[in-house]
PDB file of N, CA and C in Angstrom:
ATOM      1  N   MET A   1     -66.791 -56.687 -84.485  1.00  0.00           N
ATOM      2  CA  MET A   1     -65.737 -57.384 -84.143  1.00  0.00           C
ATOM      3  C   MET A   1     -65.597 -58.535 -82.995  1.00  0.00           C
ATOM      4  N   ASP A   2     -64.835 -59.678 -83.446  1.00  0.00           N
ATOM      5  CA  ASP A   2     -64.964 -61.339 -82.163  1.00  0.00           C
ATOM      6  C   ASP A   2     -64.779 -60.939 -80.788  1.00  0.00           C
ATOM      7  N   ALA A   3     -65.692 -61.084 -80.436  1.00  0.00           N
ATOM      8  CA  ALA A   3     -66.510 -60.272 -78.870  1.00  0.00           C
ATOM      9  C   ALA A   3     -65.388 -61.128 -78.043  1.00  0.00           C
ATOM     10  N   GLN A   4     -64.568 -62.260 -77.789  1.00  0.00           N
ATOM     11  CA  GLN A   4     -63.292 -62.150 -77.187  1.00  0.00           C
ATOM     12  C   GLN A   4     -62.521 -61.118 -77.376  1.00  0.00           C
ATOM     13  N   LEU A   5     -61.632 -61.040 -78.517  1.00  0.00           N
ATOM     14  CA  LEU A   5     -60.900 -59.479 -78.769  1.00  0.00           C
ATOM     15  C   LEU A   5     -61.158 -58.566 -78.126  1.00  0.00           C
ATOM     16  N   ARG A   6     -62.616 -58.599 -78.755  1.00  0.00           N
ATOM     17  CA  ARG A   6     -62.832 -56.612 -77.957  1.00  0.00           C
ATOM     18  C   ARG A   6     -62.872 -57.187 -75.920  1.00  0.00           C
ATOM     19  N   ARG A   7     -63.490 -58.208 -76.083  1.00  0.00           N
ATOM     20  CA  ARG A   7     -63.284 -58.415 -75.091  1.00  0.00           C
ATOM     21  C   ARG A   7     -61.024 -58.395 -73.816  1.00  0.00           C
ATOM     22  N   GLY A   8     -60.514 -58.763 -74.995  1.00  0.00           N
ATOM     23  CA  GLY A   8     -59.623 -58.913 -74.400  1.00  0.00           C
ATOM     24  C   GLY A   8     -58.753 -57.079 -74.498  1.00  0.00           C
ATOM     25  N   ILE A   9     -59.647 -56.987 -75.396  1.00  0.00           N
ATOM     26  CA  ILE A   9     -58.596 -55.770 -75.583  1.00  0.00           C
ATOM     27  C   ILE A   9     -59.891 -54.081 -74.800  1.00  0.00           C
ATOM     28  N   LEU A  10     -60.379 -54.551 -74.469  1.00  0.00           N
ATOM     29  CA  LEU A  10     -61.800 -53.539 -72.744  1.00  0.00           C
ATOM     30  C   LEU A  10     -60.505 -54.003 -72.296  1.00  0.00           C
ATOM     31  N   GLU A  11     -60.320 -54.690 -71.737  1.00  0.00           N
ATOM     32  CA  GLU A  11     -59.219 -55.886 -70.334  1.00  0.00           C
ATOM     33  C   GLU A  11     -58.461 -54.601 -70.312  1.00  0.00           C
ATOM     34  N   VAL A  12     -57.107 -54.612 -71.510  1.00  0.00           N
ATOM     35  CA  VAL A  12     -56.504 -53.612 -71.613  1.00  0.00           C
ATOM     36  C   VAL A  12     -56.240 -52.406 -71.607  1.00  0.00           C
ATOM     37  N   CYS A  13     -57.634 -52.550 -72.008  1.00  0.00           N
ATOM     38  CA  CYS A  13     -57.961 -50.068 -71.461  1.00  0.00           C
ATOM     39  C   CYS A  13     -57.765 -49.615 -70.078  1.00  0.00           C
ATOM     40  N   VAL A  14     -58.993 -50.361 -69.912  1.00  0.00           N
ATOM     41  CA  VAL A  14     -58.991 -50.987 -68.566  1.00  0.00           C
ATOM     42  C   VAL A  14     -57.938 -50.465 -67.580  1.00  0.00           C
ATOM     43  N   LEU A  15     -56.744 -51.115 -67.907  1.00  0.00           N
ATOM     44  CA  LEU A  15     -55.438 -51.580 -67.285  1.00  0.00           C
ATOM     45  C   LEU A  15     -54.784 -49.953 -67.664  1.00  0.00           C
ATOM     46  N   LYS A  16     -54.707 -49.806 -68.496  1.00  0.00           N
ATOM     47  CA  LYS A  16     -54.248 -48.299 -68.969  1.00  0.00           C
ATOM     48  C   LYS A  16     -54.618 -47.692 -68.507  1.00  0.00           C
ATOM     49  N   ALA A  17     -56.062 -47.460 -68.376  1.00  0.00           N
ATOM     50  CA  ALA A  17     -56.814 -46.262 -67.744  1.00  0.00           C
ATOM     51  C   ALA A  17     -56.312 -46.395 -66.433  1.00  0.00           C
ATOM     52  N   LEU A  18     -55.828 -47.341 -65.647  1.00  0.00           N
ATOM     53  CA  LEU A  18     -55.716 -47.761 -64.212  1.00  0.00           C
ATOM     54  C   LEU A  18     -53.878 -47.287 -63.610  1.00  0.00           C
ATOM     55  N   ALA A  19     -52.681 -47.276 -65.311  1.00  0.00           N
ATOM     56  CA  ALA A  19     -51.561 -47.419 -65.064  1.00  0.00           C
ATOM     57  C   ALA A  19     -51.646 -45.574 -65.321  1.00  0.00           C
ATOM     58  N   GLU A  20     -52.431 -45.051 -65.784  1.00  0.00           N
ATOM     59  CA  GLU A  20     -52.798 -43.755 -65.114  1.00  0.00           C
ATOM     60  C   GLU A  20     -53.082 -43.546 -63.552  1.00  0.00           C
ATOM     61  N   GLY A  21     -53.320 -44.124 -62.586  1.00  0.00           N
ATOM     62  CA  GLY A  21     -53.617 -43.925 -61.113  1.00  0.00           C
ATOM     63  C   GLY A  21     -54.300 -44.045 -61.532  1.00  0.00           C
ATOM     64  N   GLU A  22     -54.653 -44.892 -59.602  1.00  0.00           N
ATOM     65  CA  GLU A  22     -55.851 -45.640 -58.893  1.00  0.00           C
ATOM     66  C   GLU A  22     -57.137 -44.825 -59.787  1.00  0.00           C
ATOM     67  N   SER A  23     -58.048 -45.119 -60.062  1.00  0.00           N
ATOM     68  CA  SER A  23     -59.001 -44.695 -60.354  1.00  0.00           C
ATOM     69  C   SER A  23     -60.854 -45.626 -59.686  1.00  0.00           C
ATOM     70  N   TYR A  24     -62.180 -45.289 -59.925  1.00  0.00           N
ATOM     71  CA  TYR A  24     -62.813 -45.796 -59.245  1.00  0.00           C
ATOM     72  C   TYR A  24     -63.896 -46.588 -60.942  1.00  0.00           C
ATOM     73  N   GLY A  25     -64.713 -46.503 -60.819  1.00  0.00           N
ATOM     74  CA  GLY A  25     -65.480 -47.510 -62.400  1.00  0.00           C
ATOM     75  C   GLY A  25     -66.800 -46.332 -62.842  1.00  0.00           C
ATOM     76  N   TYR A  26     -67.115 -45.576 -62.109  1.00  0.00           N
ATOM     77  CA  TYR A  26     -68.071 -44.024 -63.019  1.00  0.00           C
ATOM     78  C   TYR A  26     -66.476 -43.402 -63.419  1.00  0.00           C
ATOM     79  N   GLN A  27     -65.583 -43.456 -63.086  1.00  0.00           N
ATOM     80  CA  GLN A  27     -64.477 -42.382 -64.032  1.00  0.00           C
ATOM     81  C   GLN A  27     -63.669 -43.497 -65.185  1.00  0.00           C
ATOM     82  N   ILE A  28     -63.473 -44.951 -65.062  1.00  0.00           N
ATOM     83  CA  ILE A  28     -62.767 -45.838 -66.254  1.00  0.00           C
ATOM     84  C   ILE A  28     -63.915 -46.089 -67.489  1.00  0.00           C
ATOM     85  N   ILE A  29     -64.887 -45.712 -66.874  1.00  0.00           N
ATOM     86  CA  ILE A  29     -65.634 -45.448 -67.992  1.00  0.00           C
ATOM     87  C   ILE A  29     -65.875 -44.390 -68.338  1.00  0.00           C
ATOM     88  N   LYS A  30     -64.988 -42.664 -68.080  1.00  0.00           N
ATOM     89  CA  LYS A  30     -65.156 -42.334 -68.893  1.00  0.00           C
ATOM     90  C   LYS A  30     -63.807 -41.883 -69.173  1.00  0.00           C
ATOM     91  N   ASP A  31     -62.874 -41.825 -68.963  1.00  0.00           N
ATOM     92  CA  ASP A  31     -61.574 -41.922 -69.265  1.00  0.00           C
ATOM     93  C   ASP A  31     -60.994 -42.980 -70.623  1.00  0.00           C
ATOM     94  N   ILE A  32     -62.645 -44.191 -70.951  1.00  0.00           N
ATOM     95  CA  ILE A  32     -62.657 -44.526 -71.620  1.00  0.00           C
ATOM     96  C   ILE A  32     -62.735 -45.090 -72.839  1.00  0.00           C
ATOM     97  N   SER A  33     -64.162 -43.808 -73.387  1.00  0.00           N
ATOM     98  CA  SER A  33     -65.397 -43.789 -73.788  1.00  0.00           C
ATOM     99  C   SER A  33     -64.839 -43.369 -74.462  1.00  0.00           C
ATOM    100  N   PRO A  34     -63.545 -42.177 -74.701  1.00  0.00           N
ATOM    101  CA  PRO A  34     -63.428 -41.381 -75.523  1.00  0.00           C
ATOM    102  C   PRO A  34     -62.654 -42.321 -76.675  1.00  0.00           C
ATOM    103  N   TYR A  35     -62.359 -43.598 -76.745  1.00  0.00           N
ATOM    104  CA  TYR A  35     -61.538 -44.701 -77.171  1.00  0.00           C
ATOM    105  C   TYR A  35     -62.747 -46.112 -77.990  1.00  0.00           C
ATOM    106  N   ILE A  36     -63.210 -46.366 -76.886  1.00  0.00           N
ATOM    107  CA  ILE A  36     -64.829 -47.525 -77.393  1.00  0.00           C
ATOM    108  C   ILE A  36     -65.117 -47.853 -76.091  1.00  0.00           C
ATOM    109  N   ALA A  37     -66.451 -47.802 -76.930  1.00  0.00           N
ATOM    110  CA  ALA A  37     -67.633 -47.843 -75.702  1.00  0.00           C
ATOM    111  C   ALA A  37     -67.850 -49.045 -74.619  1.00  0.00           C
ATOM    112  N   MET A  38     -67.881 -48.997 -73.600  1.00  0.00           N
ATOM    113  CA  MET A  38     -67.897 -49.434 -72.527  1.00  0.00           C
ATOM    114  C   MET A  38     -69.319 -49.240 -72.007  1.00  0.00           C
ATOM    115  N   SER A  39     -70.045 -49.903 -71.324  1.00  0.00           N
ATOM    116  CA  SER A  39     -71.051 -49.811 -70.247  1.00  0.00           C
ATOM    117  C   SER A  39     -70.677 -50.081 -68.985  1.00  0.00           C
ATOM    118  N   GLU A  40     -71.400 -49.927 -67.648  1.00  0.00           N
ATOM    119  CA  GLU A  40     -71.093 -49.659 -66.237  1.00  0.00           C
ATOM    120  C   GLU A  40     -71.293 -52.382 -66.046  1.00  0.00           C
ATOM    121  N   SER A  41     -72.788 -52.425 -67.078  1.00  0.00           N
ATOM    122  CA  SER A  41     -72.620 -53.977 -66.654  1.00  0.00           C
ATOM    123  C   SER A  41     -71.927 -54.689 -67.895  1.00  0.00           C
ATOM    124  N   THR A  42     -70.702 -53.685 -68.682  1.00  0.00           N
ATOM    125  CA  THR A  42     -69.331 -55.112 -69.040  1.00  0.00           C
ATOM    126  C   THR A  42     -67.722 -54.012 -68.416  1.00  0.00           C
ATOM    127  N   LEU A  43     -68.169 -52.965 -67.910  1.00  0.00           N
ATOM    128  CA  LEU A  43     -66.627 -52.680 -66.943  1.00  0.00           C
ATOM    129  C   LEU A  43     -66.848 -53.512 -65.265  1.00  0.00           C
ATOM    130  N   TYR A  44     -67.800 -53.791 -64.841  1.00  0.00           N
ATOM    131  CA  TYR A  44     -67.749 -55.060 -63.215  1.00  0.00           C
ATOM    132  C   TYR A  44     -67.627 -55.688 -63.125  1.00  0.00           C
ATOM    133  N   PRO A  45     -67.495 -57.232 -64.870  1.00  0.00           N
ATOM    134  CA  PRO A  45     -67.569 -58.213 -64.548  1.00  0.00           C
ATOM    135  C   PRO A  45     -65.310 -58.112 -65.417  1.00  0.00           C
ATOM    136  N   ILE A  46     -65.019 -57.296 -66.378  1.00  0.00           N
ATOM    137  CA  ILE A  46     -63.827 -57.212 -66.018  1.00  0.00           C
ATOM    138  C   ILE A  46     -63.441 -56.939 -65.270  1.00  0.00           C
ATOM    139  N   LEU A  47     -63.808 -55.890 -63.933  1.00  0.00           N
ATOM    140  CA  LEU A  47     -62.487 -55.313 -63.407  1.00  0.00           C
ATOM    141  C   LEU A  47     -62.367 -56.981 -61.945  1.00  0.00           C
ATOM    142  N   LYS A  48     -63.692 -57.754 -61.737  1.00  0.00           N
ATOM    143  CA  LYS A  48     -63.553 -58.071 -61.004  1.00  0.00           C
ATOM    144  C   LYS A  48     -62.129 -59.620 -62.310  1.00  0.00           C
ATOM    145  N   ARG A  49     -62.764 -60.086 -63.023  1.00  0.00           N
ATOM    146  CA  ARG A  49     -61.581 -61.018 -63.480  1.00  0.00           C
ATOM    147  C   ARG A  49     -60.424 -60.133 -63.356  1.00  0.00           C
ATOM    148  N   LEU A  50     -60.127 -58.730 -64.423  1.00  0.00           N
ATOM    149  CA  LEU A  50     -58.431 -58.422 -63.497  1.00  0.00           C
ATOM    150  C   LEU A  50     -58.047 -58.514 -61.999  1.00  0.00           C
ATOM    151  N   GLU A  51     -58.867 -58.008 -61.260  1.00  0.00           N
ATOM    152  CA  GLU A  51     -59.111 -58.592 -59.784  1.00  0.00           C
ATOM    153  C   GLU A  51     -58.480 -59.823 -59.380  1.00  0.00           C
ATOM    154  N   ALA A  52     -58.966 -60.826 -59.611  1.00  0.00           N
ATOM    155  CA  ALA A  52     -59.044 -62.297 -59.657  1.00  0.00           C
ATOM    156  C   ALA A  52     -57.865 -62.725 -60.301  1.00  0.00           C
ATOM    157  N   SER A  53     -57.548 -62.280 -61.231  1.00  0.00           N
ATOM    158  CA  SER A  53     -56.585 -62.601 -61.983  1.00  0.00           C
ATOM    159  C   SER A  53     -54.557 -62.161 -61.534  1.00  0.00           C
ATOM    160  N   GLY A  54     -54.541 -60.867 -60.510  1.00  0.00           N
ATOM    161  CA  GLY A  54     -53.772 -60.103 -60.218  1.00  0.00           C
ATOM    162  C   GLY A  54     -53.908 -59.356 -60.859  1.00  0.00           C
ATOM    163  N   ALA A  55     -54.023 -59.062 -61.682  1.00  0.00           N
ATOM    164  CA  ALA A  55     -53.537 -57.733 -62.925  1.00  0.00           C
ATOM    165  C   ALA A  55     -54.238 -55.622 -61.511  1.00  0.00           C
ATOM    166  N   LEU A  56     -54.889 -56.387 -61.050  1.00  0.00           N
ATOM    167  CA  LEU A  56     -55.462 -54.615 -60.041  1.00  0.00           C
ATOM    168  C   LEU A  56     -55.643 -55.187 -59.483  1.00  0.00           C
ATOM    169  N   THR A  57     -55.924 -54.292 -58.052  1.00  0.00           N
ATOM    170  CA  THR A  57     -55.946 -54.223 -56.287  1.00  0.00           C
ATOM    171  C   THR A  57     -57.621 -53.755 -56.482  1.00  0.00           C
ATOM    172  N   ALA A  58     -58.233 -53.924 -55.342  1.00  0.00           N
ATOM    173  CA  ALA A  58     -59.401 -53.066 -55.182  1.00  0.00           C
ATOM    174  C   ALA A  58     -59.645 -52.766 -53.392  1.00  0.00           C
ATOM    175  N   PHE A  59     -60.286 -51.311 -53.666  1.00  0.00           N
ATOM    176  CA  PHE A  59     -60.389 -51.356 -52.011  1.00  0.00           C
ATOM    177  C   PHE A  59     -61.697 -49.644 -51.637  1.00  0.00           C
ATOM    178  N   SER A  60     -61.965 -50.163 -50.706  1.00  0.00           N
ATOM    179  CA  SER A  60     -62.264 -48.977 -50.729  1.00  0.00           C
ATOM    180  C   SER A  60     -62.250 -48.064 -50.224  1.00  0.00           C
ATOM    181  N   ARG A  61     -62.956 -47.288 -50.246  1.00  0.00           N
ATOM    182  CA  ARG A  61     -62.541 -45.246 -49.555  1.00  0.00           C
ATOM    183  C   ARG A  61     -63.535 -44.350 -49.908  1.00  0.00           C
ATOM    184  N   GLU A  62     -63.893 -43.927 -48.318  1.00  0.00           N
ATOM    185  CA  GLU A  62     -64.674 -42.585 -47.751  1.00  0.00           C
ATOM    186  C   GLU A  62     -64.793 -41.295 -49.462  1.00  0.00           C
ATOM    187  N   HIS A  63     -65.568 -41.561 -49.854  1.00  0.00           N
ATOM    188  CA  HIS A  63     -65.662 -39.761 -51.076  1.00  0.00           C
ATOM    189  C   HIS A  63     -67.314 -39.502 -50.238  1.00  0.00           C
ATOM    190  N   ASN A  64     -67.022 -38.278 -50.311  1.00  0.00           N
ATOM    191  CA  ASN A  64     -68.794 -36.799 -50.330  1.00  0.00           C
ATOM    192  C   ASN A  64     -69.450 -38.133 -49.235  1.00  0.00           C
ATOM    193  N   GLY A  65     -69.246 -38.846 -47.667  1.00  0.00           N
ATOM    194  CA  GLY A  65     -69.782 -39.636 -46.918  1.00  0.00           C
ATOM    195  C   GLY A  65     -69.966 -41.286 -47.644  1.00  0.00           C
ATOM    196  N   ARG A  66     -69.758 -40.965 -48.146  1.00  0.00           N
ATOM    197  CA  ARG A  66     -69.859 -42.764 -48.887  1.00  0.00           C
ATOM    198  C   ARG A  66     -68.230 -43.250 -49.294  1.00  0.00           C
ATOM    199  N   LEU A  67     -69.133 -45.082 -49.155  1.00  0.00           N
ATOM    200  CA  LEU A  67     -67.627 -45.660 -49.923  1.00  0.00           C
ATOM    201  C   LEU A  67     -67.281 -45.651 -51.267  1.00  0.00           C
ATOM    202  N   ARG A  68     -66.674 -46.168 -51.571  1.00  0.00           N
ATOM    203  CA  ARG A  68     -66.320 -45.831 -52.988  1.00  0.00           C
ATOM    204  C   ARG A  68     -65.023 -47.105 -53.491  1.00  0.00           C
ATOM    205  N   ARG A  69     -65.352 -47.617 -54.463  1.00  0.00           N
ATOM    206  CA  ARG A  69     -64.856 -48.777 -55.134  1.00  0.00           C
ATOM    207  C   ARG A  69     -63.739 -48.459 -55.797  1.00  0.00           C
ATOM    208  N   TYR A  70     -62.033 -48.365 -55.676  1.00  0.00           N
ATOM    209  CA  TYR A  70     -61.480 -48.049 -56.552  1.00  0.00           C
ATOM    210  C   TYR A  70     -60.476 -49.357 -56.839  1.00  0.00           C
ATOM    211  N   TYR A  71     -60.132 -48.916 -57.360  1.00  0.00           N
ATOM    212  CA  TYR A  71     -59.021 -49.794 -58.477  1.00  0.00           C
ATOM    213  C   TYR A  71     -57.289 -49.253 -58.215  1.00  0.00           C
ATOM    214  N   ALA A  72     -56.947 -50.410 -58.623  1.00  0.00           N
ATOM    215  CA  ALA A  72     -55.090 -49.841 -58.901  1.00  0.00           C
ATOM    216  C   ALA A  72     -54.486 -51.443 -59.646  1.00  0.00           C
ATOM    217  N   ILE A  73     -53.490 -50.572 -60.441  1.00  0.00           N
ATOM    218  CA  ILE A  73     -52.645 -51.510 -61.595  1.00  0.00           C
ATOM    219  C   ILE A  73     -51.915 -53.170 -60.534  1.00  0.00           C
ATOM    220  N   THR A  74     -51.373 -53.414 -60.681  1.00  0.00           N
ATOM    221  CA  THR A  74     -49.943 -53.789 -60.269  1.00  0.00           C
ATOM    222  C   THR A  74     -49.776 -54.519 -61.206  1.00  0.00           C
ATOM    223  N   GLY A  75     -48.063 -55.011 -61.245  1.00  0.00           N
ATOM    224  CA  GLY A  75     -47.294 -55.651 -61.692  1.00  0.00           C
ATOM    225  C   GLY A  75     -47.514 -55.995 -62.548  1.00  0.00           C
ATOM    226  N   GLU A  76     -48.505 -57.307 -62.427  1.00  0.00           N
ATOM    227  CA  GLU A  76     -49.138 -57.757 -63.051  1.00  0.00           C
ATOM    228  C   GLU A  76     -50.603 -57.042 -64.629  1.00  0.00           C
ATOM    229  N   GLY A  77     -50.529 -55.786 -63.923  1.00  0.00           N
ATOM    230  CA  GLY A  77     -51.759 -55.023 -64.650  1.00  0.00           C
ATOM    231  C   GLY A  77     -50.958 -54.415 -66.218  1.00  0.00           C
ATOM    232  N   LEU A  78     -49.300 -54.149 -65.119  1.00  0.00           N
ATOM    233  CA  LEU A  78     -48.615 -53.448 -66.550  1.00  0.00           C
ATOM    234  C   LEU A  78     -47.618 -54.469 -67.118  1.00  0.00           C
ATOM    235  N   SER A  79     -48.001 -55.625 -66.712  1.00  0.00           N
ATOM    236  CA  SER A  79     -47.179 -56.523 -67.849  1.00  0.00           C
ATOM    237  C   SER A  79     -47.937 -57.501 -69.226  1.00  0.00           C
ATOM    238  N   ARG A  80     -49.394 -57.040 -68.734  1.00  0.00           N
ATOM    239  CA  ARG A  80     -50.536 -57.432 -69.691  1.00  0.00           C
ATOM    240  C   ARG A  80     -50.163 -57.446 -70.325  1.00  0.00           C
ATOM    241  N   ILE A  81     -50.711 -55.328 -69.855  1.00  0.00           N
ATOM    242  CA  ILE A  81     -50.697 -54.238 -71.512  1.00  0.00           C
ATOM    243  C   ILE A  81     -49.315 -54.388 -71.936  1.00  0.00           C
ATOM    244  N   GLY A  82     -47.672 -54.572 -71.800  1.00  0.00           N
ATOM    245  CA  GLY A  82     -46.898 -54.958 -72.327  1.00  0.00           C
ATOM    246  C   GLY A  82     -47.034 -56.381 -73.286  1.00  0.00           C
ATOM    247  N   ALA A  83     -47.587 -57.317 -72.333  1.00  0.00           N
ATOM    248  CA  ALA A  83     -47.887 -58.566 -73.427  1.00  0.00           C
ATOM    249  C   ALA A  83     -49.026 -58.024 -74.600  1.00  0.00           C
ATOM    250  N   PHE A  84     -49.794 -56.583 -74.338  1.00  0.00           N
ATOM    251  CA  PHE A  84     -50.706 -56.549 -75.283  1.00  0.00           C
ATOM    252  C   PHE A  84     -50.172 -56.044 -76.459  1.00  0.00           C
ATOM    253  N   LEU A  85     -49.037 -55.292 -76.119  1.00  0.00           N
ATOM    254  CA  LEU A  85     -48.772 -54.654 -77.249  1.00  0.00           C
ATOM    255  C   LEU A  85     -48.193 -55.203 -77.609  1.00  0.00           C
ATOM    256  N   THR A  86     -47.313 -56.240 -77.263  1.00  0.00           N
ATOM    257  CA  THR A  86     -45.618 -57.532 -78.319  1.00  0.00           C
ATOM    258  C   THR A  86     -46.904 -58.439 -79.589  1.00  0.00           C
ATOM    259  N   GLU A  87     -48.117 -57.933 -79.008  1.00  0.00           N
ATOM    260  CA  GLU A  87     -48.846 -59.057 -79.491  1.00  0.00           C
ATOM    261  C   GLU A  87     -49.838 -58.662 -80.533  1.00  0.00           C
ATOM    262  N   TRP A  88     -50.303 -57.109 -80.515  1.00  0.00           N
ATOM    263  CA  TRP A  88     -50.701 -56.399 -81.261  1.00  0.00           C
ATOM    264  C   TRP A  88     -49.862 -56.206 -82.151  1.00  0.00           C
ATOM    265  N   GLU A  89     -48.653 -55.831 -81.862  1.00  0.00           N
ATOM    266  CA  GLU A  89     -47.736 -55.701 -83.219  1.00  0.00           C
ATOM    267  C   GLU A  89     -47.776 -56.750 -84.879  1.00  0.00           C
ATOM    268  N   GLU A  90     -48.065 -57.470 -83.224  1.00  0.00           N
ATOM    269  CA  GLU A  90     -47.694 -59.418 -84.445  1.00  0.00           C
ATOM    270  C   GLU A  90     -49.098 -58.902 -85.816  1.00  0.00           C
ATOM    271  N   MET A  91     -50.001 -58.491 -85.070  1.00  0.00           N
ATOM    272  CA  MET A  91     -51.933 -58.734 -85.543  1.00  0.00           C
ATOM    273  C   MET A  91     -51.440 -56.983 -86.267  1.00  0.00           C
ATOM    274  N   THR A  92     -50.705 -56.476 -85.873  1.00  0.00           N
ATOM    275  CA  THR A  92     -51.083 -55.081 -87.119  1.00  0.00           C
ATOM    276  C   THR A  92     -49.519 -55.800 -88.649  1.00  0.00           C
ATOM    277  N   ARG A  93     -49.036 -56.721 -88.522  1.00  0.00           N
ATOM    278  CA  ARG A  93     -47.908 -57.044 -89.500  1.00  0.00           C
ATOM    279  C   ARG A  93     -49.135 -58.420 -90.316  1.00  0.00           C
ATOM    280  N   ALA A  94     -49.558 -59.519 -89.085  1.00  0.00           N
ATOM    281  CA  ALA A  94     -51.061 -60.015 -90.337  1.00  0.00           C
ATOM    282  C   ALA A  94     -51.487 -59.542 -90.936  1.00  0.00           C
ATOM    283  N   TYR A  95     -52.279 -57.826 -90.587  1.00  0.00           N
ATOM    284  CA  TYR A  95     -53.475 -57.713 -91.281  1.00  0.00           C
ATOM    285  C   TYR A  95     -52.690 -56.838 -91.869  1.00  0.00           C
ATOM    286  N   GLU A  96     -51.796 -56.207 -92.149  1.00  0.00           N
ATOM    287  CA  GLU A  96     -51.087 -55.543 -93.342  1.00  0.00           C
ATOM    288  C   GLU A  96     -50.316 -56.609 -94.631  1.00  0.00           C
ATOM    289  N   PHE A  97     -49.987 -58.050 -94.233  1.00  0.00           N
ATOM    290  CA  PHE A  97     -49.946 -59.084 -95.566  1.00  0.00           C
ATOM    291  C   PHE A  97     -50.959 -59.485 -96.105  1.00  0.00           C
ATOM    292  N   ILE A  98     -52.254 -59.529 -95.039  1.00  0.00           N
ATOM    293  CA  ILE A  98     -53.450 -59.787 -95.857  1.00  0.00           C
ATOM    294  C   ILE A  98     -54.094 -58.597 -96.607  1.00  0.00           C
ATOM    295  N   LYS A  99     -54.217 -57.431 -96.273  1.00  0.00           N
ATOM    296  CA  LYS A  99     -54.378 -56.077 -97.309  1.00  0.00           C
ATOM    297  C   LYS A  99     -53.370 -56.133 -97.802  1.00  0.00           C
ATOM    298  N   GLY A 100     -52.131 -56.913 -97.585  1.00  0.00           N
ATOM    299  CA  GLY A 100     -51.148 -55.722 -99.467  1.00  0.00           C
ATOM    300  C   GLY A 100     -50.768 -55.040 -98.904  1.00  0.00           C
ATOM    301  N   VAL A 101     -50.358 -54.843 -97.893  1.00  0.00           N
ATOM    302  CA  VAL A 101     -49.184 -53.157 -97.506  1.00  0.00           C
ATOM    303  C   VAL A 101     -48.414 -53.593 -97.977  1.00  0.00           C
ATOM    304  N   ASN A 102     -47.484 -54.411 -96.762  1.00  0.00           N
ATOM    305  CA  ASN A 102     -46.814 -54.233 -97.440  1.00  0.00           C
ATOM    306  C   ASN A 102     -46.045 -55.519 -98.348  1.00  0.00           C
ATOM    307  N   HIS A 103     -45.560 -55.488 -99.467  1.00  0.00           N
ATOM    308  CA  HIS A 103     -45.500 -56.547-100.576  1.00  0.00           C
ATOM    309  C   HIS A 103     -43.555 -57.023-100.398  1.00  0.00           C
ATOM    310  N   HIS A 104     -43.498 -57.823 -99.700  1.00  0.00           N
ATOM    311  CA  HIS A 104     -42.194 -58.242 -99.857  1.00  0.00           C
ATOM    312  C   HIS A 104     -41.753 -58.885-101.121  1.00  0.00           C
ATOM    313  N   GLU A 105     -40.598 -58.748-101.990  1.00  0.00           N
ATOM    314  CA  GLU A 105     -40.585 -58.773-102.832  1.00  0.00           C
ATOM    315  C   GLU A 105     -39.480 -60.216-102.893  1.00  0.00           C
ATOM    316  N   LYS A 106     -39.998 -61.549-103.295  1.00  0.00           N
ATOM    317  CA  LYS A 106     -39.268 -62.781-102.808  1.00  0.00           C
ATOM    318  C   LYS A 106     -38.175 -62.912-103.961  1.00  0.00           C
ATOM    319  N   GLY A 107     -36.801 -63.348-103.725  1.00  0.00           N
ATOM    320  CA  GLY A 107     -36.278 -63.281-103.970  1.00  0.00           C
ATOM    321  C   GLY A 107     -35.119 -64.321-103.910  1.00  0.00           C
TER     322      GLY A 107
END
């Protein structure tokens, strides 16, 4: 898979995981892993980019006597999920055309 396409998909997967509720790094990886592989070394740069772009916010909270970094999606992040889904529909139509799935009769 093209590296940029994969990166974009991973970003949207992170946002979708956060759309279900605030979370932290390890839990985000667990939530996403049944669908697509992601390592910590991939996740944390994505989280930084998404935070810098305003798609999520980050905050620290104590958990078992230690501070843990949590992330929450913003309205901008939700909008990015919607935009991705719209673009994906277009990509699906292009894929079907390339594969010859939908043959439209010319007339």
